[in-house]
Each structure stands twice: as structure tokens, then as C-alpha cells.
Protein backbone atom coordinates (compact mmCIF):
# COMPACT_ATOMS: atom_id res chain seq x y z
CA MET A 1 -148.69 24.53 -229.00
CA SER A 2 -147.11 27.78 -230.12
CA GLY A 3 -144.07 29.84 -229.18
CA GLU A 4 -140.84 28.21 -228.05
CA LEU A 5 -140.78 24.44 -227.57
CA VAL A 6 -137.91 22.57 -225.93
CA VAL A 7 -136.70 18.99 -226.22
CA LYS A 8 -133.92 18.12 -223.80
CA VAL A 9 -132.01 15.00 -222.75
CA SER A 10 -129.54 14.57 -219.89
CA TRP A 11 -127.00 11.98 -218.81
CA GLY A 12 -124.24 11.50 -216.28
CA PRO A 13 -120.43 11.38 -216.52
CA ARG A 14 -119.16 9.54 -219.62
CA PRO A 15 -115.65 10.38 -220.85
CA GLU A 16 -115.63 10.53 -224.65
CA SER A 17 -113.32 11.89 -227.32
CA SER A 18 -114.15 14.77 -229.63
CA GLU A 19 -114.53 12.22 -232.44
CA VAL A 20 -117.20 10.30 -230.54
CA LEU A 21 -119.00 13.52 -229.65
CA ALA A 22 -118.88 14.61 -233.30
CA ALA A 23 -120.42 11.31 -234.38
CA ARG A 24 -123.24 11.81 -231.87
CA TRP A 25 -123.78 15.34 -233.16
CA LEU A 26 -123.99 14.24 -236.77
CA GLU A 27 -126.35 11.39 -235.92
CA THR A 28 -128.60 13.90 -234.14
CA LEU A 29 -128.64 16.33 -237.06
CA GLY A 30 -129.24 13.54 -239.55
CA ARG A 31 -132.20 12.22 -237.64
CA LEU A 32 -133.70 15.69 -237.24
CA ALA A 33 -133.34 16.17 -240.98
CA GLU A 34 -135.22 12.90 -241.56
CA LEU A 35 -138.03 14.03 -239.25
CA SER A 36 -138.22 17.37 -241.07
CA ALA A 37 -138.42 15.86 -244.57
CA PRO A 38 -139.36 16.87 -247.17
CA ALA A 39 -138.56 20.34 -245.83
CA PRO A 40 -134.77 20.87 -245.78
CA VAL A 41 -133.00 22.29 -242.73
CA ASP A 42 -129.98 24.58 -243.07
CA TRP A 43 -127.70 23.82 -240.11
CA ARG A 44 -124.96 26.33 -239.33
CA TRP A 45 -122.66 27.01 -236.41
CA ASP A 46 -124.14 29.33 -233.81
CA THR A 47 -121.62 32.13 -233.32
CA GLU A 48 -121.57 35.37 -231.34
CA GLY A 49 -122.23 37.25 -234.56
CA GLY A 50 -125.19 35.07 -235.53
CA LYS A 51 -125.29 32.17 -237.95
CA GLY A 52 -121.86 30.99 -239.01
CA ASP A 53 -120.56 28.56 -241.60
CA PRO A 54 -122.51 25.45 -242.62
CA VAL A 55 -122.03 22.49 -240.29
CA PRO A 56 -119.73 19.91 -241.92
CA SER A 57 -120.93 16.39 -242.60
CA ASP A 58 -117.45 14.93 -242.04
CA THR A 59 -116.86 13.52 -238.55
CA ASP A 60 -113.20 14.53 -238.37
CA GLU A 61 -113.94 18.09 -239.46
CA PHE A 62 -116.77 18.36 -236.94
CA ALA A 63 -114.51 16.91 -234.23
CA GLY A 64 -111.91 19.56 -235.00
CA VAL A 65 -114.42 22.31 -234.26
CA VAL A 66 -115.50 20.59 -231.03
CA GLU A 67 -111.87 20.21 -229.96
CA ALA A 68 -111.01 23.82 -230.79
CA GLY A 69 -113.99 25.02 -228.77
CA ALA A 70 -112.65 23.45 -225.57
CA PRO A 71 -108.93 24.26 -225.30
CA GLU A 72 -108.97 24.20 -221.50
CA GLU A 73 -106.91 21.56 -219.71
CA ASP A 74 -109.97 20.39 -217.77
CA ALA A 75 -112.08 19.69 -220.88
CA ASP A 76 -111.78 15.95 -220.26
CA ILE A 77 -113.34 16.56 -216.84
CA LEU A 78 -115.96 19.24 -217.59
CA GLY A 79 -116.72 18.14 -221.14
CA ARG A 80 -116.84 19.79 -224.54
CA GLN A 81 -119.73 21.65 -226.11
CA ALA A 82 -120.95 22.96 -229.43
CA ALA A 83 -123.97 24.89 -230.68
CA VAL A 84 -125.71 25.07 -234.04
CA VAL A 85 -128.71 26.90 -235.45
CA GLY A 86 -131.08 25.41 -238.00
CA THR A 87 -133.44 27.27 -240.34
CA TRP A 88 -136.50 25.89 -242.15
CA PRO A 89 -137.89 27.23 -245.46
CA ASP A 90 -140.91 28.78 -243.69
CA GLY A 91 -138.65 30.81 -241.40
CA GLY A 92 -138.95 28.51 -238.40
CA TYR A 93 -135.66 27.94 -236.65
CA ALA A 94 -133.96 25.95 -233.91
CA TYR A 95 -130.98 26.15 -231.59
CA LEU A 96 -129.27 22.90 -230.65
CA ARG A 97 -126.64 22.87 -227.92
CA ALA A 98 -124.92 19.85 -226.43
CA LYS A 99 -122.21 19.30 -223.85
CA GLY A 100 -120.71 15.90 -223.16
CA GLY A 101 -117.60 13.79 -222.85
CA GLY A 102 -116.67 14.78 -219.30
CA SER A 103 -116.07 12.79 -216.13
CA ASP A 104 -117.27 15.26 -213.49
CA ALA A 105 -120.24 14.03 -211.46
CA TYR A 106 -121.41 17.58 -210.72
CA THR A 107 -121.44 18.88 -214.30
CA PRO A 108 -124.72 18.67 -216.24
CA PHE A 109 -124.27 16.88 -219.57
CA THR A 110 -127.17 17.70 -221.84
CA ALA A 111 -128.42 18.14 -225.39
CA THR A 112 -131.09 20.83 -225.73
CA LEU A 113 -133.14 21.63 -228.83
CA GLN A 114 -135.12 24.89 -228.79
CA LEU A 115 -137.72 25.25 -231.55
CA PHE A 116 -139.24 28.58 -232.65
CA PRO A 117 -141.78 29.69 -235.28
CA GLY A 118 -140.53 32.14 -237.88
CA ALA A 119 -140.42 35.84 -237.08
CA GLU A 120 -143.03 36.54 -239.77
CA ALA A 121 -145.30 33.64 -238.77
CA PRO A 122 -148.87 34.51 -237.76
CA ALA A 123 -149.78 34.60 -234.09
CA GLY A 124 -150.19 31.11 -232.68
CA ALA A 125 -148.07 29.46 -235.38
CA ALA A 126 -146.33 26.27 -234.32
CA PRO A 127 -142.55 25.85 -234.46
CA PRO A 128 -140.92 23.24 -236.70
CA LEU A 129 -141.42 19.61 -235.61
CA ALA A 130 -144.13 20.61 -233.11
CA GLY A 131 -146.23 17.65 -234.23
CA ARG A 132 -143.40 15.15 -233.81
CA LEU A 133 -142.09 15.80 -230.31
CA PRO A 134 -142.00 12.13 -229.19
CA GLU A 135 -139.96 11.23 -232.28
CA VAL A 136 -137.64 14.18 -231.73
CA LEU A 137 -137.11 13.08 -228.14
CA ILE A 138 -136.33 9.54 -229.30
CA ALA A 139 -133.78 10.92 -231.78
CA LEU A 140 -131.97 12.92 -229.11
CA ALA A 141 -132.16 10.18 -226.48
CA GLU A 142 -130.76 7.50 -228.77
CA SER A 143 -128.09 9.71 -230.36
CA TRP A 144 -126.72 10.74 -226.97
CA GLU A 145 -127.53 7.52 -225.05
CA ALA A 146 -129.24 9.68 -222.46
CA ASP A 147 -130.55 8.89 -218.98
CA THR A 148 -133.66 11.10 -218.95
CA GLY A 149 -135.37 13.57 -221.26
CA LEU A 150 -138.55 15.50 -221.93
CA SER A 151 -140.37 17.91 -224.24
CA TYR A 152 -142.06 21.03 -222.86
CA ASP A 153 -142.74 24.72 -223.14
CA ARG A 154 -141.94 27.22 -220.42
CA PRO A 155 -145.45 27.32 -218.84
CA LEU A 156 -145.48 23.52 -218.50
CA PHE A 157 -141.96 23.42 -217.05
CA ASN A 158 -142.84 26.07 -214.48
CA ALA A 159 -146.12 24.37 -213.58
CA VAL A 160 -144.45 21.01 -212.88
CA ARG A 161 -141.61 22.64 -210.97
CA ALA A 162 -144.03 24.58 -208.78
CA ALA A 163 -146.38 21.64 -208.19
CA PHE A 164 -143.61 19.32 -207.04
CA GLY A 165 -140.97 21.70 -205.67
CA LEU A 166 -138.33 20.53 -208.15
CA ARG A 167 -134.92 22.01 -208.79
CA ASN A 168 -134.19 22.76 -212.44
CA SER A 169 -131.74 19.86 -212.68
CA GLN A 170 -134.06 17.18 -211.30
CA PRO A 171 -135.57 14.56 -213.65
CA ARG A 172 -139.19 15.31 -214.47
CA CYS A 173 -142.01 14.66 -216.92
CA GLY A 174 -143.00 16.64 -219.99
CA TRP A 175 -145.51 16.08 -222.75
CA ALA A 176 -143.16 13.32 -223.84
CA THR A 177 -140.77 11.82 -221.29
CA TYR A 178 -137.71 9.65 -221.91
CA LEU A 179 -136.48 7.11 -219.34
CA SER A 180 -133.37 4.95 -219.70
CA ALA A 181 -133.67 1.18 -219.30
CA ASN A 182 -133.49 0.87 -215.50
CA ARG A 183 -135.95 3.73 -215.07
CA ALA A 184 -138.28 2.35 -217.74
CA ALA A 185 -138.44 -0.94 -215.85
CA LEU A 186 -140.16 0.90 -212.98
CA VAL A 187 -142.95 2.48 -215.04
CA PRO A 188 -146.35 1.35 -213.67
CA GLY A 189 -148.22 -0.86 -216.08
CA ASP A 190 -151.41 1.18 -215.77
CA LEU A 191 -149.80 4.57 -216.44
CA PRO A 192 -151.85 6.33 -219.17
CA GLY A 193 -150.25 7.42 -222.42
CA SER A 194 -148.66 5.83 -225.45
CA ARG A 195 -145.28 4.13 -225.12
CA HIS A 196 -142.42 4.12 -227.62
CA PRO A 197 -139.55 1.69 -226.89
CA THR A 198 -136.07 3.00 -227.66
CA ALA A 199 -132.69 1.44 -228.31
CA GLY A 200 -131.03 0.00 -225.23
CA GLY A 201 -134.26 -0.75 -223.41
CA GLY A 202 -135.36 2.83 -222.81
CA LEU A 203 -138.85 4.22 -223.22
CA VAL A 204 -140.55 7.42 -224.37
CA LEU A 205 -143.92 8.06 -222.73
CA ASP A 206 -146.37 10.40 -224.47
CA SER A 207 -148.68 11.84 -221.81
CA GLY A 208 -150.63 14.13 -224.12
CA ARG A 209 -150.79 17.89 -224.11
CA SER A 210 -152.56 18.79 -220.86
CA THR A 211 -150.72 20.00 -217.78
CA GLU A 212 -152.95 17.78 -215.63
CA ALA A 213 -151.89 14.64 -217.50
CA VAL A 214 -148.22 15.54 -217.20
CA GLU A 215 -148.55 16.23 -213.48
CA ALA A 216 -150.32 12.88 -213.02
CA ALA A 217 -147.46 11.13 -214.84
CA GLN A 218 -144.92 13.01 -212.72
CA ARG A 219 -146.64 11.88 -209.54
CA ALA A 220 -146.89 8.24 -210.62
CA LEU A 221 -143.32 7.97 -211.89
CA ALA A 222 -141.87 9.73 -208.85
CA GLU A 223 -143.73 7.37 -206.54
CA ALA A 224 -142.43 4.41 -208.56
CA GLY A 225 -138.83 5.64 -208.17
CA ALA A 226 -138.32 6.21 -211.89
CA LEU A 227 -137.33 9.87 -211.51
CA GLU A 228 -134.62 9.60 -208.87
CA PRO A 229 -131.54 11.77 -209.54
CA LEU A 230 -128.31 10.10 -210.58
CA PRO A 231 -126.19 9.24 -207.52
CA VAL A 232 -123.22 11.57 -207.20
CA ALA A 233 -121.39 9.06 -204.99
CA ALA A 234 -121.44 6.46 -207.79
CA PRO A 235 -121.20 8.52 -211.00
CA ARG A 236 -122.38 6.87 -214.20
CA PRO A 237 -124.08 8.02 -217.43
CA ALA A 238 -127.47 6.42 -216.72
CA TRP A 239 -129.39 5.45 -213.60
């Protein structure tokens, strides 16, 4: 795998304060730092002018930035968001964006990590954490108590979307796929791939690195009902 890699988790409406969102953010960054060790990661705010100040480790200070970034009166409905950029010693870098805390059933609440090799890296070089995508997905899923999630690159995402006629927002499989507890309970026992239980009864499935294997997992999980969209009529954070 080379070029941009993406790890993304999604969930439904779940009103939360800026302090709770800040705690989730800091848990996410801490776990990504653990997965990156011994290489350090320099996390800074992502600003219009590029990398900003270092991300604080204090929850209240982080919450203040989250709160200031959503001054609108409807922030409790549409949620609050923040974005950071991380840099590794070899020049690899990542963008992490998350939006949560809202009550609106039609607003996507997500945390998305984009991983890139360094600008001076040789052709075909892998981005940071490329060999640990299931663990990265677990970290995001548990930190944000997500409903679904996956890891992918753009060719895989487009292939699955085209093969199954999916809208961008619909739950789907990636190389690694996260399912919350009620979805995990529907996973067929004979589905190929390694399984990694997560907190709260969820599951990360590692289908391997072939498009064919991912499409087979998509077909099996869709038929089992494990990839149904969240019901808008009965909004909740997880299926």
C-alpha cells in the first residue's frame, strides 16, 4: 500500500459537551502516539495557513479551542469539529478531523485520519502506520464509540462503491472494518479474516489487502444485515 490511506469511523446523533469531545480527541491522539512508538509524532492544529500551534495535552485547553471553533447557536444540533496535522520524523504526515456532539439525525458525525508518505519519500513508500491499520481503526472506534468504520485507499473505496452501488455515506467494508456490538452480532461465523474484539462488544474484521476479499466481505455482511444504515426515524449513536 502506498499513497494516501484513510481510516474513518462514523456514528449517529450523540449530544456531548466540548469537554467530552476534547477528552475523546486526546484519547485518540494518545493512542496514535502509542501505535507510532518509538517514532514521535508532532501534532499541531490544522489552520488555513498550514500547521499551527502544538495541540495541548490539557482537556480544558483543548475544549476551549473546540468551543471557540463552533460559535454558532446551532452547534449543539450540528456538532463541533476540530482538525489537527501530525508529522513523523521521516516526513510522513497525517490529517485528523472529527466532528461530533450534535443531535441532528441528518448530520454525519465522523473521525477521519488521512495518512501520507513524506514529500521526499521514494516512489511506492508507505505512509505512517500503514502496517497497523486494524489497530488504528480500533483506536478510533473505541475513542469515539463509533457505529461503523473502515480503512481504505481511494481505488478500494471506488471499487466497492461501484460494485455495490453505494452512496458515500453508506456503511461499507474496507481492508479492516469496524462494526458496533449489534452489527458484530450478525457477522457470519464462517466469514474469512481475522477478528479483533473491541470495547463495548464491537469487532474489527481484517479482510486482507485484496479488493476481491473486501468485496466478498461486503457481500456477506450486507446479506447478514450488518451494514444497514442508521435509522433516521429513531436517531441514536449506534445501530
